[in-house]
């Protein structure tokens, strides 16, 4: 990265693939999943936490092949609940097993649990 890259003092930004100006670039966006969802299996479970709280946990998705923060955001929006990303596990607040299963299947993931 250059000192003035992306500022009015520098040349306009260009696409890394086609070398066109970013405004004129027609390259398709990078997919959120580098490994196709059809080749991945998500393992779902509901766990009980402190004070009797229930949490839906998604395991088995590799960190390297996925955009886990974006997937977590989509699942939280779908369930209308909060959640967190802890290492390679996605946690959704509440017993959301059916909604998470349905959402992941619609995205193309294989689901167990």
N, C-alpha and C. Protein backbone atom coordinates (compact mmCIF):
# COMPACT_ATOMS: atom_id res chain seq x y z
N UNK A 1 0.85 -1.18 0.00
CA UNK A 1 0.00 0.00 0.00
C UNK A 1 0.89 1.23 0.00
N UNK A 2 0.57 2.15 -0.88
CA UNK A 2 1.35 3.38 -0.98
C UNK A 2 0.82 4.42 0.00
N UNK A 3 1.61 5.45 0.25
CA UNK A 3 1.28 6.45 1.25
C UNK A 3 -0.03 7.17 0.94
N UNK A 4 -0.24 7.57 -0.32
CA UNK A 4 -1.43 8.34 -0.68
C UNK A 4 -2.48 7.51 -1.42
N UNK A 5 -2.39 6.20 -1.34
CA UNK A 5 -3.31 5.33 -2.07
C UNK A 5 -4.75 5.58 -1.65
N UNK A 6 -5.60 5.83 -2.64
CA UNK A 6 -7.01 6.04 -2.37
C UNK A 6 -7.38 7.45 -1.97
N UNK A 7 -6.44 8.36 -1.97
CA UNK A 7 -6.73 9.75 -1.61
C UNK A 7 -6.79 10.59 -2.88
N UNK A 8 -7.27 11.84 -2.79
CA UNK A 8 -7.30 12.70 -3.99
C UNK A 8 -5.91 12.98 -4.56
N UNK A 9 -4.87 12.72 -3.80
CA UNK A 9 -3.50 12.99 -4.26
C UNK A 9 -2.93 11.83 -5.04
N UNK A 10 -3.63 10.77 -5.15
CA UNK A 10 -3.14 9.58 -5.83
C UNK A 10 -3.96 9.33 -7.09
N UNK A 11 -3.49 8.41 -7.88
CA UNK A 11 -4.25 7.99 -9.05
C UNK A 11 -5.51 7.28 -8.59
N UNK A 12 -6.54 7.24 -9.42
CA UNK A 12 -7.78 6.53 -9.04
C UNK A 12 -7.51 5.05 -8.78
N UNK A 13 -8.28 4.46 -7.88
CA UNK A 13 -8.11 3.05 -7.57
C UNK A 13 -8.51 2.19 -8.75
N UNK A 14 -7.78 1.09 -8.93
CA UNK A 14 -8.03 0.17 -10.03
C UNK A 14 -8.25 -1.23 -9.49
N UNK A 15 -9.01 -2.01 -10.25
CA UNK A 15 -9.29 -3.40 -9.89
C UNK A 15 -7.99 -4.21 -10.00
N UNK A 16 -7.75 -5.11 -9.05
CA UNK A 16 -6.54 -5.92 -9.09
C UNK A 16 -6.58 -6.98 -10.19
N UNK A 17 -7.78 -7.39 -10.60
CA UNK A 17 -7.90 -8.44 -11.61
C UNK A 17 -7.83 -7.91 -13.03
N UNK A 18 -8.68 -6.91 -13.34
CA UNK A 18 -8.80 -6.46 -14.74
C UNK A 18 -8.11 -5.13 -15.00
N UNK A 19 -7.56 -4.50 -13.97
CA UNK A 19 -6.84 -3.23 -14.10
C UNK A 19 -7.71 -2.06 -14.56
N UNK A 20 -9.04 -2.23 -14.56
CA UNK A 20 -9.94 -1.12 -14.89
C UNK A 20 -10.15 -0.26 -13.64
N UNK A 21 -10.65 0.96 -13.87
CA UNK A 21 -11.01 1.78 -12.72
C UNK A 21 -12.07 1.04 -11.91
N UNK A 22 -12.05 1.21 -10.59
CA UNK A 22 -13.01 0.48 -9.76
C UNK A 22 -14.46 0.78 -10.14
N UNK A 23 -14.74 2.02 -10.56
CA UNK A 23 -16.10 2.38 -10.96
C UNK A 23 -16.51 1.67 -12.24
N UNK A 24 -15.56 1.31 -13.10
CA UNK A 24 -15.85 0.69 -14.39
C UNK A 24 -15.66 -0.83 -14.38
N UNK A 25 -15.18 -1.38 -13.27
CA UNK A 25 -14.87 -2.80 -13.17
C UNK A 25 -16.15 -3.64 -13.27
N UNK A 26 -16.07 -4.72 -14.05
CA UNK A 26 -17.22 -5.61 -14.19
C UNK A 26 -16.90 -7.01 -13.65
N UNK A 27 -15.81 -7.15 -12.91
CA UNK A 27 -15.45 -8.45 -12.33
C UNK A 27 -16.49 -8.85 -11.30
N UNK A 28 -16.83 -10.14 -11.23
CA UNK A 28 -17.79 -10.59 -10.21
C UNK A 28 -17.16 -10.48 -8.83
N UNK A 29 -17.96 -10.21 -7.81
CA UNK A 29 -17.41 -10.11 -6.45
C UNK A 29 -16.91 -11.48 -5.97
N UNK A 30 -15.98 -11.44 -5.04
CA UNK A 30 -15.45 -12.67 -4.47
C UNK A 30 -16.55 -13.38 -3.68
N UNK A 31 -16.67 -14.68 -3.82
CA UNK A 31 -17.70 -15.39 -3.06
C UNK A 31 -17.36 -15.41 -1.57
N UNK A 32 -18.41 -15.39 -0.73
CA UNK A 32 -18.21 -15.42 0.71
C UNK A 32 -17.68 -16.79 1.15
N UNK A 33 -18.00 -17.84 0.37
CA UNK A 33 -17.56 -19.18 0.70
C UNK A 33 -16.56 -19.64 -0.34
N UNK A 34 -15.30 -19.85 0.07
CA UNK A 34 -14.30 -20.35 -0.87
C UNK A 34 -14.49 -21.85 -1.08
N UNK A 35 -14.93 -22.55 -0.05
CA UNK A 35 -15.30 -23.96 -0.19
C UNK A 35 -16.81 -23.97 -0.43
N UNK A 36 -17.28 -24.60 -1.49
CA UNK A 36 -18.73 -24.60 -1.75
C UNK A 36 -19.50 -25.17 -0.56
N UNK A 37 -20.63 -24.55 -0.21
CA UNK A 37 -21.42 -25.03 0.93
C UNK A 37 -21.85 -26.49 0.78
N UNK A 38 -22.03 -26.96 -0.45
CA UNK A 38 -22.47 -28.34 -0.66
C UNK A 38 -21.44 -29.35 -0.18
N UNK A 39 -20.17 -28.92 -0.05
CA UNK A 39 -19.10 -29.82 0.37
C UNK A 39 -18.83 -29.71 1.87
N UNK A 40 -19.66 -28.99 2.61
CA UNK A 40 -19.44 -28.80 4.04
C UNK A 40 -20.63 -29.32 4.84
N UNK A 41 -20.34 -29.83 6.02
CA UNK A 41 -21.38 -30.33 6.91
C UNK A 41 -21.33 -29.55 8.22
N UNK A 42 -22.45 -28.94 8.57
CA UNK A 42 -22.57 -28.19 9.82
C UNK A 42 -23.22 -29.11 10.86
N UNK A 43 -22.65 -29.13 12.05
CA UNK A 43 -23.19 -29.94 13.14
C UNK A 43 -23.87 -29.00 14.13
N UNK A 44 -25.16 -29.21 14.35
CA UNK A 44 -25.95 -28.33 15.21
C UNK A 44 -26.24 -29.00 16.54
N UNK A 45 -26.28 -28.18 17.59
CA UNK A 45 -26.68 -28.68 18.90
C UNK A 45 -27.21 -27.51 19.72
N UNK A 46 -27.99 -27.83 20.74
CA UNK A 46 -28.48 -26.83 21.68
C UNK A 46 -27.85 -27.15 23.02
N UNK A 47 -27.18 -26.16 23.62
CA UNK A 47 -26.50 -26.36 24.89
C UNK A 47 -27.11 -25.46 25.94
N UNK A 48 -27.00 -25.91 27.18
CA UNK A 48 -27.52 -25.14 28.30
C UNK A 48 -26.34 -24.43 28.95
N UNK A 49 -26.48 -23.14 29.18
CA UNK A 49 -25.42 -22.33 29.77
C UNK A 49 -25.81 -21.88 31.17
N UNK A 50 -25.07 -20.93 31.68
CA UNK A 50 -25.32 -20.42 33.02
C UNK A 50 -26.76 -19.92 33.16
N UNK A 51 -27.29 -20.12 34.33
CA UNK A 51 -28.64 -19.64 34.68
C UNK A 51 -29.72 -20.21 33.77
N UNK A 52 -29.49 -21.39 33.21
CA UNK A 52 -30.50 -22.04 32.39
C UNK A 52 -30.67 -21.51 30.99
N UNK A 53 -29.80 -20.62 30.55
CA UNK A 53 -29.91 -20.07 29.19
C UNK A 53 -29.55 -21.14 28.16
N UNK A 54 -30.27 -21.13 27.05
CA UNK A 54 -30.00 -22.09 25.97
C UNK A 54 -29.33 -21.36 24.81
N UNK A 55 -28.41 -22.07 24.16
CA UNK A 55 -27.64 -21.52 23.05
C UNK A 55 -27.60 -22.56 21.94
N UNK A 56 -27.86 -22.15 20.71
CA UNK A 56 -27.73 -23.03 19.55
C UNK A 56 -26.31 -22.88 19.02
N UNK A 57 -25.60 -24.01 18.88
CA UNK A 57 -24.19 -23.99 18.48
C UNK A 57 -24.04 -24.67 17.12
N UNK A 58 -23.28 -24.02 16.22
CA UNK A 58 -22.97 -24.57 14.90
C UNK A 58 -21.49 -24.89 14.88
N UNK A 59 -21.16 -26.16 14.67
CA UNK A 59 -19.76 -26.61 14.63
C UNK A 59 -19.48 -27.28 13.29
N UNK A 60 -18.19 -27.51 13.03
CA UNK A 60 -17.80 -28.31 11.88
C UNK A 60 -17.52 -27.53 10.61
N UNK A 61 -17.63 -26.21 10.65
CA UNK A 61 -17.33 -25.41 9.45
C UNK A 61 -15.90 -24.88 9.57
N UNK A 62 -15.06 -25.12 8.56
CA UNK A 62 -13.67 -24.67 8.65
C UNK A 62 -13.56 -23.14 8.57
N UNK A 63 -12.62 -22.61 9.33
CA UNK A 63 -12.40 -21.16 9.35
C UNK A 63 -11.83 -20.70 8.01
N UNK A 64 -10.91 -21.48 7.44
CA UNK A 64 -10.20 -21.07 6.22
C UNK A 64 -11.11 -20.97 5.00
N UNK A 65 -12.12 -21.80 4.91
CA UNK A 65 -12.94 -21.84 3.71
C UNK A 65 -14.21 -21.03 3.77
N UNK A 66 -14.44 -20.31 4.87
CA UNK A 66 -15.70 -19.59 5.05
C UNK A 66 -15.48 -18.18 5.57
N UNK A 67 -16.48 -17.37 5.38
CA UNK A 67 -16.53 -16.06 6.01
C UNK A 67 -17.47 -16.22 7.21
N UNK A 68 -16.95 -16.77 8.30
CA UNK A 68 -17.80 -17.08 9.45
C UNK A 68 -18.47 -15.86 10.07
N UNK A 69 -17.81 -14.69 10.16
CA UNK A 69 -18.53 -13.52 10.69
C UNK A 69 -19.74 -13.14 9.85
N UNK A 70 -19.64 -13.24 8.53
CA UNK A 70 -20.78 -12.92 7.67
C UNK A 70 -21.88 -13.98 7.81
N UNK A 71 -21.49 -15.24 7.90
CA UNK A 71 -22.47 -16.31 8.10
C UNK A 71 -23.19 -16.12 9.44
N UNK A 72 -22.46 -15.76 10.49
CA UNK A 72 -23.07 -15.50 11.79
C UNK A 72 -24.07 -14.36 11.70
N UNK A 73 -23.71 -13.31 10.99
CA UNK A 73 -24.61 -12.16 10.83
C UNK A 73 -25.90 -12.58 10.14
N UNK A 74 -25.79 -13.39 9.09
CA UNK A 74 -26.97 -13.86 8.37
C UNK A 74 -27.86 -14.72 9.27
N UNK A 75 -27.25 -15.59 10.06
CA UNK A 75 -28.03 -16.45 10.94
C UNK A 75 -28.70 -15.64 12.05
N UNK A 76 -28.00 -14.66 12.60
CA UNK A 76 -28.59 -13.82 13.65
C UNK A 76 -29.77 -13.03 13.09
N UNK A 77 -29.62 -12.49 11.88
CA UNK A 77 -30.73 -11.76 11.25
C UNK A 77 -31.92 -12.68 11.02
N UNK A 78 -31.65 -13.89 10.56
CA UNK A 78 -32.69 -14.85 10.26
C UNK A 78 -33.47 -15.26 11.51
N UNK A 79 -32.74 -15.40 12.63
CA UNK A 79 -33.35 -15.87 13.88
C UNK A 79 -33.87 -14.72 14.73
N UNK A 80 -33.45 -13.51 14.46
CA UNK A 80 -33.85 -12.38 15.29
C UNK A 80 -33.27 -12.49 16.69
N UNK A 81 -32.03 -12.98 16.78
CA UNK A 81 -31.40 -13.19 18.07
C UNK A 81 -29.95 -12.74 18.02
N UNK A 82 -29.35 -12.63 19.18
CA UNK A 82 -27.93 -12.29 19.26
C UNK A 82 -27.10 -13.53 19.07
N UNK A 83 -25.80 -13.34 19.07
CA UNK A 83 -24.92 -14.48 18.90
C UNK A 83 -23.47 -14.05 18.99
N UNK A 84 -22.59 -15.04 18.91
CA UNK A 84 -21.16 -14.77 19.00
C UNK A 84 -20.40 -15.81 18.19
N UNK A 85 -19.18 -15.42 17.81
CA UNK A 85 -18.26 -16.31 17.13
C UNK A 85 -17.15 -16.64 18.11
N UNK A 86 -17.06 -17.90 18.51
CA UNK A 86 -16.03 -18.32 19.46
C UNK A 86 -15.18 -19.38 18.77
N UNK A 87 -13.96 -19.00 18.44
CA UNK A 87 -13.02 -19.82 17.69
C UNK A 87 -13.66 -20.28 16.39
N UNK A 88 -14.00 -21.55 16.26
CA UNK A 88 -14.60 -22.03 15.02
C UNK A 88 -16.07 -22.41 15.22
N UNK A 89 -16.69 -21.92 16.30
CA UNK A 89 -18.09 -22.22 16.58
C UNK A 89 -18.93 -20.96 16.48
N UNK A 90 -20.12 -21.11 15.91
CA UNK A 90 -21.09 -20.02 15.87
C UNK A 90 -22.11 -20.28 16.96
N UNK A 91 -22.39 -19.28 17.77
CA UNK A 91 -23.38 -19.43 18.84
C UNK A 91 -24.52 -18.45 18.60
N UNK A 92 -25.73 -18.95 18.60
CA UNK A 92 -26.94 -18.13 18.45
C UNK A 92 -27.72 -18.25 19.76
N UNK A 93 -28.11 -17.13 20.31
CA UNK A 93 -28.83 -17.15 21.58
C UNK A 93 -30.20 -17.80 21.42
N UNK A 94 -30.56 -18.64 22.39
CA UNK A 94 -31.86 -19.27 22.40
C UNK A 94 -31.87 -20.61 21.69
N UNK A 95 -32.99 -21.28 21.79
CA UNK A 95 -33.18 -22.57 21.13
C UNK A 95 -33.69 -22.30 19.71
N UNK A 96 -32.77 -22.09 18.79
CA UNK A 96 -33.07 -21.70 17.40
C UNK A 96 -32.74 -22.83 16.43
N UNK A 97 -32.75 -24.05 16.91
CA UNK A 97 -32.29 -25.18 16.11
C UNK A 97 -33.01 -25.29 14.77
N UNK A 98 -34.32 -25.21 14.76
CA UNK A 98 -35.08 -25.37 13.51
C UNK A 98 -34.79 -24.23 12.52
N UNK A 99 -34.74 -23.00 13.02
CA UNK A 99 -34.48 -21.86 12.13
C UNK A 99 -33.07 -21.92 11.54
N UNK A 100 -32.09 -22.26 12.37
CA UNK A 100 -30.70 -22.34 11.89
C UNK A 100 -30.58 -23.47 10.88
N UNK A 101 -31.19 -24.62 11.17
CA UNK A 101 -31.14 -25.75 10.24
C UNK A 101 -31.72 -25.35 8.88
N UNK A 102 -32.88 -24.71 8.90
CA UNK A 102 -33.54 -24.30 7.67
C UNK A 102 -32.68 -23.29 6.89
N UNK A 103 -32.10 -22.32 7.59
CA UNK A 103 -31.29 -21.29 6.94
C UNK A 103 -30.05 -21.91 6.30
N UNK A 104 -29.37 -22.80 7.02
CA UNK A 104 -28.16 -23.42 6.48
C UNK A 104 -28.49 -24.31 5.28
N UNK A 105 -29.60 -25.04 5.34
CA UNK A 105 -29.99 -25.88 4.22
C UNK A 105 -30.33 -25.05 3.00
N UNK A 106 -30.95 -23.90 3.19
CA UNK A 106 -31.26 -23.02 2.06
C UNK A 106 -29.98 -22.47 1.42
N UNK A 107 -28.94 -22.29 2.23
CA UNK A 107 -27.65 -21.81 1.70
C UNK A 107 -26.90 -22.92 1.00
N UNK A 108 -27.31 -24.18 1.21
CA UNK A 108 -26.68 -25.30 0.53
C UNK A 108 -25.82 -26.17 1.41
N UNK A 109 -25.73 -25.90 2.70
CA UNK A 109 -24.93 -26.71 3.61
C UNK A 109 -25.64 -28.03 3.92
N UNK A 110 -24.85 -29.07 4.17
CA UNK A 110 -25.39 -30.30 4.73
C UNK A 110 -25.47 -30.08 6.24
N UNK A 111 -26.52 -30.57 6.87
CA UNK A 111 -26.73 -30.32 8.29
C UNK A 111 -26.94 -31.62 9.03
N UNK A 112 -26.25 -31.76 10.16
CA UNK A 112 -26.44 -32.90 11.06
C UNK A 112 -26.86 -32.35 12.41
N UNK A 113 -27.77 -33.04 13.05
CA UNK A 113 -28.17 -32.63 14.41
C UNK A 113 -29.43 -31.86 14.46
